C-alpha atoms as a PDB file:
ATOM      1  CA  MET A   1      15.722  24.015 -41.965  1.00  0.00           C
ATOM      2  CA  ARG A   2      12.753  25.976 -43.464  1.00  0.00           C
ATOM      3  CA  GLY A   3      13.712  24.762 -47.295  1.00  0.00           C
ATOM      4  CA  SER A   4      13.558  21.091 -45.934  1.00  0.00           C
ATOM      5  CA  LEU A   5      10.499  21.331 -44.261  1.00  0.00           C
ATOM      6  CA  LEU A   6       9.011  22.784 -47.282  1.00  0.00           C
ATOM      7  CA  ALA A   7      10.513  19.924 -49.615  1.00  0.00           C
ATOM      8  CA  LEU A   8       9.530  16.956 -47.778  1.00  0.00           C
ATOM      9  CA  ALA A   9       6.551  18.102 -47.536  1.00  0.00           C
ATOM     10  CA  ILE A  10       6.322  18.680 -51.106  1.00  0.00           C
ATOM     11  CA  ALA A  11       7.647  15.572 -51.636  1.00  0.00           C
ATOM     12  CA  THR A  12       4.870  14.238 -49.374  1.00  0.00           C
ATOM     13  CA  GLY A  13       2.165  15.610 -50.981  1.00  0.00           C
ATOM     14  CA  LEU A  14       3.383  14.631 -54.631  1.00  0.00           C
ATOM     15  CA  TYR A  15       3.739  11.716 -53.126  1.00  0.00           C
ATOM     16  CA  ILE A  16       0.252  10.762 -52.324  1.00  0.00           C
ATOM     17  CA  ILE A  17      -0.948  12.517 -55.548  1.00  0.00           C
ATOM     18  CA  ASP A  18       0.952  10.033 -57.330  1.00  0.00           C
ATOM     19  CA  GLY A  19      -0.260   6.850 -55.616  1.00  0.00           C
ATOM     20  CA  VAL A  20      -3.962   7.743 -55.491  1.00  0.00           C
ATOM     21  CA  LEU A  21      -4.252   8.107 -59.427  1.00  0.00           C
ATOM     22  CA  THR A  22      -2.176   4.929 -59.339  1.00  0.00           C
ATOM     23  CA  ALA A  23      -4.744   3.204 -57.409  1.00  0.00           C
ATOM     24  CA  ALA A  24      -7.151   5.059 -59.540  1.00  0.00           C
ATOM     25  CA  ALA A  25      -5.407   3.689 -62.741  1.00  0.00           C
ATOM     26  CA  GLY A  26      -6.088   0.467 -61.159  1.00  0.00           C
ATOM     27  CA  GLY A  27      -2.393  -0.525 -60.060  1.00  0.00           C
ATOM     28  CA  TYR A  28      -2.640  -1.958 -56.715  1.00  0.00           C
ATOM     29  CA  GLN A  29       0.675  -3.365 -56.393  1.00  0.00           C
ATOM     30  CA  GLY A  30       2.902  -2.059 -54.260  1.00  0.00           C
ATOM     31  CA  ILE A  31       0.583  -0.824 -52.218  1.00  0.00           C
ATOM     32  CA  ILE A  32       1.666  -1.800 -49.405  1.00  0.00           C
ATOM     33  CA  VAL A  33       5.258  -0.668 -49.902  1.00  0.00           C
ATOM     34  CA  ARG A  34       3.399   2.694 -50.761  1.00  0.00           C
ATOM     35  CA  LEU A  35       1.550   3.054 -47.536  1.00  0.00           C
ATOM     36  CA  LEU A  36       4.586   2.070 -45.470  1.00  0.00           C
ATOM     37  CA  ILE A  37       6.703   4.718 -47.599  1.00  0.00           C
ATOM     38  CA  LEU A  38       4.183   7.215 -46.731  1.00  0.00           C
ATOM     39  CA  PHE A  39       4.177   6.515 -42.862  1.00  0.00           C
ATOM     40  CA  PHE A  40       7.882   7.216 -42.532  1.00  0.00           C
ATOM     41  CA  LEU A  41       7.284  10.460 -44.731  1.00  0.00           C
ATOM     42  CA  ILE A  42       4.790  11.839 -42.362  1.00  0.00           C
ATOM     43  CA  GLN A  43       7.226  10.899 -39.932  1.00  0.00           C
ATOM     44  CA  GLY A  44       9.696  13.228 -41.088  1.00  0.00           C
ATOM     45  CA  LEU A  45       7.396  15.707 -41.351  1.00  0.00           C
ATOM     46  CA  ILE A  46       6.327  15.662 -37.698  1.00  0.00           C
ATOM     47  CA  ALA A  47       9.988  14.979 -36.837  1.00  0.00           C
ATOM     48  CA  LEU A  48      10.938  18.604 -38.785  1.00  0.00           C
ATOM     49  CA  ARG A  49       8.258  20.037 -37.287  1.00  0.00           C
ATOM     50  CA  GLU A  50       8.946  19.162 -33.995  1.00  0.00           C
ATOM     51  CA  LEU A  51      12.779  20.658 -34.089  1.00  0.00           C
ATOM     52  CA  LYS A  52      11.354  23.574 -35.804  1.00  0.00           C
ATOM     53  CA  ARG A  53       9.610  24.449 -33.037  1.00  0.00           C
ATOM     54  CA  ARG A  54      12.387  23.410 -30.465  1.00  0.00           C
ATOM     55  CA  GLN A  55      14.423  25.968 -32.442  1.00  0.00           C
ATOM     56  CA  MET A  56      12.198  28.233 -32.165  1.00  0.00           C
ATOM     57  CA  SER A  57      11.773  27.717 -28.241  1.00  0.00           C
ATOM     58  CA  GLY A  58      15.554  28.456 -27.971  1.00  0.00           C
ATOM     59  CA  ALA A  59      15.713  24.824 -26.626  1.00  0.00           C
ATOM     60  CA  SER A  60      18.522  22.472 -27.633  1.00  0.00           C
ATOM     61  CA  PRO A  61      16.849  19.162 -29.167  1.00  0.00           C
ATOM     62  CA  GLY A  62      19.429  17.578 -26.702  1.00  0.00           C
ATOM     63  CA  SER A  63      18.392  19.686 -23.990  1.00  0.00           C
ATOM     64  CA  ALA A  64      15.534  18.051 -22.864  1.00  0.00           C
ATOM     65  CA  ALA A  65      16.475  16.203 -19.649  1.00  0.00           C
ATOM     66  CA  PRO A  66      14.456  13.669 -17.803  1.00  0.00           C
ATOM     67  CA  VAL A  67      12.740  15.129 -14.814  1.00  0.00           C
ATOM     68  CA  ALA A  68      13.227  12.780 -11.869  1.00  0.00           C
ATOM     69  CA  THR A  69      10.073  11.631 -10.206  1.00  0.00           C
ATOM     70  CA  PRO A  70       9.472  12.270  -6.532  1.00  0.00           C
ATOM     71  CA  VAL A  71       9.804   8.463  -5.969  1.00  0.00           C
ATOM     72  CA  GLU A  72      13.031   8.029  -8.085  1.00  0.00           C
ATOM     73  CA  SER A  73      14.874  11.113  -5.890  1.00  0.00           C
ATOM     74  CA  SER A  74      14.066   9.828  -3.047  1.00  0.00           C
ATOM     75  CA  ILE A  75      16.198   5.696  -3.696  1.00  0.00           C
ATOM     76  CA  PRO A  76      19.608   6.235  -2.340  1.00  0.00           C
ATOM     77  CA  PRO A  77      22.295   5.552  -4.777  1.00  0.00           C
ATOM     78  CA  GLN A  78      23.867   2.034  -4.829  1.00  0.00           C
ATOM     79  CA  GLU A  79      27.484   1.099  -4.850  1.00  0.00           C
ATOM     80  CA  PRO A  80      28.536  -0.976  -7.248  1.00  0.00           C
ATOM     81  CA  PRO A  81      29.473  -4.592  -5.752  1.00  0.00           C
ATOM     82  CA  THR A  82      33.068  -4.876  -5.004  1.00  0.00           C
ATOM     83  CA  THR A  83      34.922  -8.055  -5.907  1.00  0.00           C
ATOM     84  CA  SER A  84      37.739 -10.045  -4.025  1.00  0.00           C
END
């Protein structure tokens, strides 16, 4: 996981540098697409860091079960309707 986080960080950095140099050279076509791609690259970095944090804490990614609030736990379970 460490290698993939580093690789994505390097790729994101290079993409930012490329975008800045392209904008400085006057190439503004496709800036919206570049920003959209950059958004998803950053989301990927955030997700990888969260996975790494969960792995270090010993929890598996799918083990975070939602905790029932007192209101939810006080509602009795309902039986499914029967058809006749």
